[in-house]
Protein backbone atom coordinates (compact mmCIF):
# COMPACT_ATOMS: atom_id res chain seq x y z
CA MET A 1 168.77 43.37 123.58
CA THR A 2 170.39 39.96 122.96
CA GLY A 3 171.43 37.16 125.33
CA HIS A 4 174.92 38.11 124.76
CA THR A 5 174.31 40.42 127.30
CA VAL A 6 172.61 38.02 130.11
CA LEU A 7 174.56 34.89 130.70
CA MET A 8 172.85 32.75 133.26
CA THR A 9 175.45 29.94 135.39
CA ASP A 10 174.28 26.64 135.51
CA THR A 11 174.80 25.71 139.21
CA SER A 12 172.33 23.24 139.12
CA PRO A 13 173.32 19.88 140.49
CA ARG A 14 172.01 18.04 137.58
CA GLN A 15 175.15 19.11 135.62
CA THR A 16 176.87 15.86 134.59
CA GLY A 17 179.82 17.17 132.55
CA GLU A 18 181.92 19.87 133.01
CA ARG A 19 180.84 22.90 130.79
CA THR A 20 182.89 23.76 128.13
CA ALA A 21 182.74 27.20 125.83
CA GLY A 22 180.43 25.42 123.00
CA PRO A 23 180.72 27.40 119.71
CA LEU A 24 177.43 29.09 120.63
CA ASP A 25 178.19 29.28 124.34
CA GLY A 26 176.35 32.76 125.28
CA VAL A 27 173.17 32.27 123.03
CA ILE A 28 170.52 31.84 124.80
CA VAL A 29 167.51 30.05 123.21
CA LEU A 30 163.93 29.82 124.25
CA GLU A 31 161.88 26.33 122.88
CA LEU A 32 158.02 26.92 122.46
CA GLY A 33 156.47 23.33 121.34
CA THR A 34 156.73 19.81 121.80
CA LEU A 35 157.55 16.29 120.22
CA ILE A 36 160.20 16.03 118.13
CA ALA A 37 161.12 18.26 115.02
CA GLY A 38 161.39 21.79 117.44
CA PRO A 39 162.91 19.82 120.49
CA HIS A 40 165.61 18.11 118.05
CA ALA A 41 166.53 21.88 116.26
CA ALA A 42 166.86 23.53 120.00
CA ARG A 43 168.96 20.26 121.29
CA LEU A 44 170.94 20.43 118.24
CA LEU A 45 171.72 24.54 118.96
CA GLY A 46 172.21 23.37 123.31
CA ASP A 47 174.89 20.51 122.33
CA MET A 48 176.79 23.43 120.64
CA GLY A 49 176.59 25.26 123.58
CA ALA A 50 173.44 27.32 123.38
CA GLU A 51 171.59 27.87 126.87
CA VAL A 52 168.37 26.54 126.23
CA ILE A 53 165.15 27.05 128.00
CA LYS A 54 162.57 24.45 127.40
CA ILE A 55 158.98 25.97 128.07
CA GLU A 56 156.22 24.19 128.75
CA ALA A 57 152.24 24.45 129.99
CA PRO A 58 151.57 24.05 133.76
CA GLY A 59 150.41 20.51 134.14
CA LYS A 60 150.99 19.69 130.23
CA PRO A 61 154.31 18.31 129.87
CA ASP A 62 155.63 17.34 126.82
CA PRO A 63 154.78 13.87 126.07
CA ILE A 64 158.13 13.16 124.81
CA ARG A 65 159.12 12.24 128.64
CA THR A 66 157.05 9.49 128.05
CA TRP A 67 158.64 8.12 124.95
CA GLY A 68 161.29 5.60 124.42
CA GLN A 69 161.23 1.70 123.91
CA ALA A 70 163.22 0.98 127.19
CA GLU A 71 161.02 1.29 130.51
CA VAL A 72 163.29 0.67 133.53
CA ASP A 73 161.44 1.27 136.50
CA GLY A 74 158.69 3.11 135.28
CA HIS A 75 160.74 5.68 133.01
CA ARG A 76 161.62 5.53 129.53
CA PHE A 77 164.67 7.54 127.70
CA TYR A 78 163.88 9.39 124.53
CA TRP A 79 164.15 12.38 127.13
CA THR A 80 167.70 11.81 127.80
CA VAL A 81 168.39 12.73 123.52
CA HIS A 82 165.91 15.51 122.89
CA GLY A 83 165.82 16.79 126.43
CA ARG A 84 169.36 17.32 127.28
CA ASN A 85 171.29 20.18 127.82
CA LYS A 86 168.25 22.29 128.69
CA LYS A 87 166.50 23.90 131.62
CA ALA A 88 163.02 23.47 132.12
CA ALA A 89 160.86 25.86 133.05
CA THR A 90 156.67 26.38 133.13
CA LEU A 91 154.65 29.14 132.19
CA ASP A 92 151.15 29.74 131.13
CA LEU A 93 151.19 31.59 127.36
CA ARG A 94 147.09 32.00 127.19
CA SER A 95 147.46 34.24 130.40
CA GLU A 96 148.13 37.94 129.75
CA ARG A 97 150.98 37.88 132.65
CA GLY A 98 152.38 34.59 131.45
CA ARG A 99 152.75 36.39 127.78
CA ASP A 100 154.57 39.38 129.24
CA LEU A 101 157.07 36.93 131.09
CA PHE A 102 157.60 35.25 127.63
CA LEU A 103 158.23 38.95 125.96
CA ASP A 104 160.51 39.43 128.94
CA LEU A 105 162.41 36.86 128.26
CA ALA A 106 162.42 36.48 124.42
CA GLU A 107 163.60 40.41 125.35
CA ARG A 108 166.84 38.92 126.78
CA ALA A 109 166.91 35.78 124.07
CA ASP A 110 168.72 35.22 120.77
CA VAL A 111 166.60 32.51 119.31
CA VAL A 112 162.72 31.22 119.82
CA VAL A 113 162.34 28.08 118.49
CA GLU A 114 158.59 26.84 118.05
CA ASN A 115 157.15 24.19 116.58
CA PHE A 116 153.18 24.92 117.15
CA ARG A 117 150.33 24.97 114.25
CA PRO A 118 151.28 28.20 112.30
CA GLY A 119 149.23 30.70 113.63
CA THR A 120 149.22 29.53 116.88
CA LEU A 121 152.04 32.38 117.91
CA GLU A 122 150.08 34.85 116.69
CA ARG A 123 147.01 33.80 118.38
CA LEU A 124 148.93 34.19 121.52
CA GLY A 125 149.83 37.81 121.23
CA ILE A 126 153.28 36.75 120.60
CA GLY A 127 154.09 36.56 116.61
CA PRO A 128 157.54 37.57 115.33
CA ASP A 129 156.32 40.87 114.97
CA VAL A 130 155.81 40.98 118.86
CA LEU A 131 158.98 39.67 119.08
CA SER A 132 161.04 41.92 117.02
CA GLU A 133 159.29 44.91 118.65
CA ARG A 134 160.32 43.52 122.25
CA ASN A 135 163.95 42.48 120.85
CA PRO A 136 165.31 43.49 117.06
CA GLY A 137 167.55 40.50 117.09
CA ILE A 138 165.64 38.34 118.22
CA VAL A 139 165.83 34.95 115.69
CA VAL A 140 162.32 32.90 115.75
CA VAL A 141 162.41 29.72 114.23
CA ARG A 142 159.39 28.10 113.00
CA VAL A 143 159.08 24.17 112.63
CA SER A 144 155.26 22.98 111.15
CA GLY A 145 154.28 19.95 108.48
CA TYR A 146 153.93 22.60 105.50
CA GLY A 147 155.35 25.81 106.09
CA GLN A 148 153.71 28.91 107.40
CA THR A 149 152.31 29.85 104.03
CA GLY A 150 150.85 28.24 101.26
CA PRO A 151 147.71 26.49 101.10
CA ASP A 152 148.33 23.70 103.04
CA SER A 153 149.82 25.42 105.57
CA THR A 154 147.11 25.18 108.27
CA ARG A 155 147.41 21.55 107.87
CA ALA A 156 148.56 19.41 110.88
CA GLY A 157 151.73 17.66 109.97
CA TYR A 158 153.64 14.54 111.49
CA ALA A 159 156.73 12.97 109.90
CA SER A 160 155.25 10.23 108.29
CA VAL A 161 152.68 12.02 106.95
CA ALA A 162 155.63 14.67 105.34
CA GLU A 163 157.75 11.72 104.25
CA ALA A 164 155.28 10.00 102.24
CA ALA A 165 153.49 13.13 100.93
CA SER A 166 157.35 14.50 100.07
CA GLY A 167 157.45 11.53 97.78
CA LEU A 168 160.59 10.20 100.20
CA ARG A 169 158.90 7.29 101.19
CA TYR A 170 157.90 6.56 97.66
CA LEU A 171 161.64 5.87 97.28
CA ASN A 172 162.18 2.91 100.05
CA GLY A 173 161.40 -0.82 100.07
CA TYR A 174 161.42 -2.51 97.34
CA PRO A 175 159.27 -2.52 93.46
CA GLY A 176 156.24 -3.53 93.63
CA GLN A 177 155.48 -3.51 97.69
CA LEU A 178 154.11 -1.20 100.34
CA PRO A 179 156.63 1.05 100.72
CA PRO A 180 157.78 0.47 104.51
CA ARG A 181 158.82 3.56 107.26
CA LEU A 182 162.49 3.43 108.47
CA ALA A 183 161.67 2.78 112.28
CA LEU A 184 162.41 6.43 113.13
CA SER A 185 160.41 9.54 113.29
CA LEU A 186 162.68 10.70 110.46
CA GLY A 187 160.77 13.71 108.56
CA ASP A 188 160.94 15.38 112.50
CA THR A 189 164.74 14.82 112.76
CA LEU A 190 165.10 16.02 109.07
CA ALA A 191 163.29 19.03 109.84
CA GLY A 192 165.05 19.91 113.08
CA MET A 193 168.39 19.57 111.35
CA PHE A 194 167.33 22.02 108.50
CA ALA A 195 165.97 24.00 111.76
CA ALA A 196 168.93 24.41 113.37
CA GLN A 197 171.03 25.17 110.37
CA GLY A 198 168.28 27.89 109.69
CA ALA A 199 169.04 29.53 112.74
CA LEU A 200 172.88 29.08 112.66
CA ALA A 201 172.20 31.04 109.21
CA ALA A 202 170.42 33.96 110.66
CA LEU A 203 172.60 34.45 114.09
CA TYR A 204 175.24 34.96 111.60
CA ARG A 205 173.60 37.48 109.23
CA ARG A 206 172.47 39.42 112.13
CA SER A 207 176.11 39.94 113.38
CA VAL A 208 176.18 41.48 110.30
CA THR A 209 173.28 43.48 110.48
CA GLY A 210 171.95 43.36 114.01
CA LYS A 211 168.55 42.56 112.75
CA GLY A 212 166.66 38.85 113.52
CA GLN A 213 164.19 37.54 110.78
CA VAL A 214 162.09 34.45 110.84
CA VAL A 215 163.34 30.96 109.71
CA ASP A 216 160.61 29.18 108.60
CA THR A 217 161.12 25.18 108.09
CA SER A 218 158.80 22.58 107.20
CA LEU A 219 158.58 18.52 107.54
CA ILE A 220 157.48 17.95 104.14
CA GLU A 221 160.06 20.56 102.53
CA SER A 222 162.94 18.94 104.88
CA CYS A 223 162.15 15.61 103.09
CA VAL A 224 161.91 16.89 99.63
CA ALA A 225 165.51 18.91 100.05
CA VAL A 226 167.09 15.44 100.47
CA GLN A 227 165.69 13.40 97.29
CA GLU A 228 169.42 14.42 95.49
CA SER A 229 168.32 14.37 91.80
CA ALA A 230 164.81 13.00 92.35
CA ILE A 231 162.83 16.09 90.69
CA ALA A 232 165.58 17.03 88.18
CA ASP A 233 164.97 13.41 86.61
CA TYR A 234 161.73 13.29 86.56
CA ASP A 235 161.75 16.93 84.54
CA ALA A 236 164.62 16.51 82.18
CA GLY A 237 163.81 12.89 81.42
CA GLY A 238 160.26 11.76 82.90
CA VAL A 239 161.83 9.43 85.36
CA VAL A 240 159.64 8.83 88.38
CA ARG A 241 162.45 7.40 90.31
CA GLY A 242 160.88 4.18 92.62
CA PRO A 243 162.28 2.00 95.24
CA SER A 244 165.22 -0.46 94.57
CA GLY A 245 165.83 -2.67 97.33
CA THR A 246 169.14 -3.01 98.98
CA ARG A 247 170.83 -1.02 96.30
CA LEU A 248 170.37 2.53 93.97
CA ASP A 249 169.31 1.59 90.51
CA GLY A 250 172.10 2.62 88.27
CA ILE A 251 174.73 2.93 90.70
CA ALA A 252 177.15 -0.25 90.40
CA PRO A 253 178.94 -2.17 92.72
CA SER A 254 177.29 -0.91 95.52
CA ASN A 255 175.14 -3.39 97.70
CA LEU A 256 174.52 -5.78 100.53
CA TYR A 257 176.28 -9.09 99.28
CA PRO A 258 176.16 -12.49 101.46
CA THR A 259 179.16 -13.73 103.34
CA SER A 260 179.70 -17.25 104.42
CA GLU A 261 178.35 -17.17 107.70
CA GLY A 262 175.24 -15.95 106.40
CA THR A 263 175.33 -12.64 106.76
CA HIS A 264 175.64 -9.79 104.50
CA VAL A 265 178.19 -6.60 103.98
CA ILE A 266 178.40 -3.46 101.91
CA ILE A 267 180.80 -3.29 99.62
CA ALA A 268 180.82 0.17 97.74
CA ALA A 269 183.03 0.42 94.51
CA ASN A 270 180.77 1.99 92.05
CA GLN A 271 184.04 4.90 90.94
CA ASP A 272 185.98 3.22 88.37
CA SER A 273 189.28 3.97 90.53
CA VAL A 274 187.91 2.06 93.16
CA PHE A 275 185.88 -1.07 91.29
CA ALA A 276 189.24 -1.80 89.80
CA ARG A 277 191.02 -2.32 93.28
CA LEU A 278 187.65 -4.78 94.21
CA CYS A 279 188.09 -6.35 90.79
CA ALA A 280 192.03 -7.15 91.63
CA ALA A 281 191.03 -8.30 96.05
CA MET A 282 188.17 -10.75 93.67
CA GLY A 283 191.35 -11.70 91.89
CA GLN A 284 189.66 -10.70 88.45
CA PRO A 285 190.98 -8.04 87.54
CA GLU A 286 190.09 -8.05 84.28
CA LEU A 287 186.64 -7.12 85.04
CA ALA A 288 187.56 -4.05 85.39
CA THR A 289 187.96 -3.74 81.47
CA ASP A 290 185.34 -5.98 80.49
CA ASP A 291 182.83 -3.85 78.13
CA ARG A 292 180.06 -4.55 80.46
CA PHE A 293 181.89 -3.02 83.72
CA ALA A 294 184.29 -0.79 82.37
CA ASP A 295 182.85 2.39 83.45
CA HIS A 296 179.89 4.01 85.85
CA ALA A 297 176.53 3.77 82.73
CA ALA A 298 178.30 0.18 81.97
CA ARG A 299 177.86 -0.86 85.37
CA GLY A 300 174.53 0.35 86.38
CA ARG A 301 173.16 -1.60 82.96
CA ASN A 302 174.46 -4.34 83.97
CA GLN A 303 173.97 -4.21 87.06
CA ASP A 304 172.31 -7.62 88.08
CA GLU A 305 174.71 -9.60 86.03
CA LEU A 306 177.31 -7.29 88.31
CA ASP A 307 175.75 -8.27 91.55
CA THR A 308 176.03 -11.63 90.87
CA LEU A 309 179.35 -12.18 90.22
CA ILE A 310 180.90 -10.06 93.40
CA GLY A 311 177.99 -12.45 95.05
CA ASP A 312 179.63 -15.22 94.09
CA TRP A 313 182.89 -14.47 95.25
CA SER A 314 181.92 -12.92 98.76
CA ARG A 315 180.06 -15.46 100.00
CA GLN A 316 183.24 -17.69 99.86
CA HIS A 317 184.85 -15.50 102.76
CA SER A 318 183.37 -14.29 106.34
CA PRO A 319 182.91 -11.11 107.12
CA GLU A 320 185.48 -10.64 108.85
CA LYS A 321 187.93 -11.92 106.18
CA LEU A 322 186.15 -9.68 103.40
CA THR A 323 186.97 -6.44 105.84
CA GLU A 324 190.40 -7.49 105.80
CA ILE A 325 190.54 -8.47 102.21
CA LEU A 326 188.98 -5.10 100.78
CA GLY A 327 190.23 -2.98 103.53
CA VAL A 328 193.96 -4.04 102.61
CA ALA A 329 192.63 -3.44 99.04
CA GLY A 330 191.34 0.50 99.62
CA VAL A 331 187.46 -0.91 98.98
CA VAL A 332 184.72 0.63 100.73
CA VAL A 333 183.40 -2.18 102.48
CA GLY A 334 181.54 -1.73 106.20
CA PRO A 335 179.02 -4.23 108.38
CA VAL A 336 175.21 -3.98 108.65
CA ASN A 337 175.42 -3.31 112.49
CA THR A 338 172.50 -3.58 115.57
CA VAL A 339 172.16 -1.02 117.56
CA ALA A 340 174.24 -3.20 120.23
CA GLU A 341 177.23 -3.37 117.73
CA VAL A 342 177.13 0.22 117.25
CA VAL A 343 177.41 0.37 120.88
CA ALA A 344 180.28 -1.57 120.95
CA ASP A 345 182.31 -0.22 118.31
CA PRO A 346 185.39 0.47 119.08
CA HIS A 347 185.58 3.49 116.51
CA LEU A 348 182.44 4.91 117.42
CA GLN A 349 183.72 5.13 121.46
CA ALA A 350 186.98 6.36 120.20
CA ARG A 351 185.04 9.36 119.13
CA GLY A 352 182.78 10.35 121.63
CA MET A 353 179.82 9.12 119.61
CA ILE A 354 178.21 6.63 122.55
CA ALA A 355 178.03 9.22 125.37
CA GLU A 356 176.96 9.28 128.90
CA HIS A 357 173.82 11.08 129.95
CA TYR A 358 173.44 10.54 133.53
CA ASP A 359 169.12 10.72 133.96
CA GLU A 360 168.44 12.08 137.15
CA ARG A 361 164.90 10.73 136.97
CA ALA A 362 166.22 7.18 136.96
CA GLN A 363 169.05 7.84 139.30
CA ARG A 364 171.19 5.82 136.75
CA THR A 365 173.30 6.18 133.02
CA VAL A 366 172.01 6.18 130.32
CA LEU A 367 173.77 5.85 127.03
CA GLY A 368 172.76 8.28 123.88
CA PRO A 369 174.43 9.50 121.02
CA GLY A 370 177.35 12.28 121.40
CA VAL A 371 177.64 15.39 119.24
CA VAL A 372 177.98 16.30 116.12
CA PRO A 373 179.77 17.61 114.47
CA GLN A 374 182.99 18.26 116.56
CA PHE A 375 185.40 21.78 117.03
CA SER A 376 188.68 21.92 117.93
CA ASP A 377 188.52 24.86 119.14
CA THR A 378 185.22 25.03 121.23
CA PRO A 379 183.97 21.22 121.60
CA GLY A 380 179.94 21.19 122.43
CA GLY A 381 178.94 18.68 125.32
CA ILE A 382 176.29 17.12 127.13
CA ARG A 383 176.33 19.36 130.56
CA ASN A 384 173.04 17.36 131.66
CA ALA A 385 170.63 14.57 130.60
CA GLY A 386 167.60 16.99 130.45
CA PRO A 387 165.45 18.28 133.49
CA PRO A 388 163.84 15.71 135.63
CA ALA A 389 159.97 17.39 135.90
CA PRO A 390 158.69 20.72 133.86
CA GLY A 391 159.28 24.00 135.76
CA CYS A 392 162.13 22.44 137.73
CA ASP A 393 164.17 25.68 136.80
CA ASN A 394 161.75 28.33 137.36
CA GLU A 395 163.73 29.91 140.07
CA ALA A 396 166.97 29.96 137.85
CA VAL A 397 165.10 31.64 134.79
CA PHE A 398 162.87 33.75 135.92
CA GLY A 399 164.73 35.01 139.19
CA GLY A 400 168.27 34.52 137.58
CA LEU A 401 167.54 36.04 134.47
CA LEU A 402 164.44 38.43 135.00
CA GLY A 403 165.54 38.98 138.33
CA LEU A 404 162.78 38.20 140.32
CA SER A 405 161.95 37.72 143.88
CA THR A 406 161.52 34.28 145.53
CA GLY A 407 158.10 35.66 146.49
CA GLU A 408 157.17 37.00 143.40
CA ILE A 409 158.06 33.56 141.72
CA GLU A 410 155.73 31.74 144.49
CA ASP A 411 152.92 34.15 143.20
CA LEU A 412 153.13 32.91 139.94
CA ARG A 413 153.02 29.53 140.80
CA ALA A 414 150.03 29.43 143.04
CA SER A 415 147.92 31.65 140.83
CA GLY A 416 148.88 28.71 137.83
CA ILE A 417 151.22 31.35 135.45
CA VAL A 418 154.19 28.73 135.81
């Protein structure tokens, strides 16, 4: 049995956007776990129309509810990003009754997303084998630090360690300096994206075979997977790629270049045809055929000299003028924006990427990222900004999905099961 046969109608007053039939409309997702990677994966599925039910332990809410750097009237706003498009239910999975209720929900669901340490679901008696016995079509998406198998599988994993252990962090920063961290939990976000991708692939395969499967995603592997040719270059040529500051070594020109106002713009013209257009825009067309810069390999060998030549030209113009000149010439150029400039960007606004979330906790609208990708026929959307309190949808979940009466739900609450 799958979630396609039992749908939940959202009549909640928290619904902040008109419900659209997103590509995953009718898919029911149960989310277990806390913090970023698992909730991010479930949020992406929710953005595409899935009915996501976030399950928290009674009295132990997800700490992400209190995360975020801005605080207004005692509220922080990380939750509006990863809590959006979800319902909130509470359930004590350590109790026999809680386990049975979860299995009842799983029987009606399509996907379970969890990011506990490997072995936790099994100890709770709700591992993939048990889930698939109840629902052969269930897709179990497991996100962990190091994966479900291997010598490090039982280790706890955070994004900071995964980014470092994977080699990703070593590539960041400047040669000879400590590798800085991007001011985000990148490893968690990457793992969440791969986990959501895996869920979609498993749902497609189920549509062919009728059978679900386990999707095993780890933070460290997600960080390894985005490192382009680093492993191949090491294997084939012994190259240990390192940090290269504001540019990529051997990829030229593609760097930050100064303006007359003391700011910088990104100019990327490492393709031969684009480089020729840049040279013409600079009034130095001869550089395109100069032996030092005539092809990709030559520009990489003479990267420092080329950056100096472009910088000498770019610092004569304002960032607006540079953008105008190079835009007309067909050269890739862009600013280095702060979040304030991103929010004000008319293109991102027109694309719906600066999206409103009504945060019921704070009784105010909060801006956040829009839905990616965009679909022509079945657009996703932001239906709510996250359930304001753990368990606030218990009646909708246990009553609407499982058919429990109000009295039965009250008894569960009184006994601490929900």
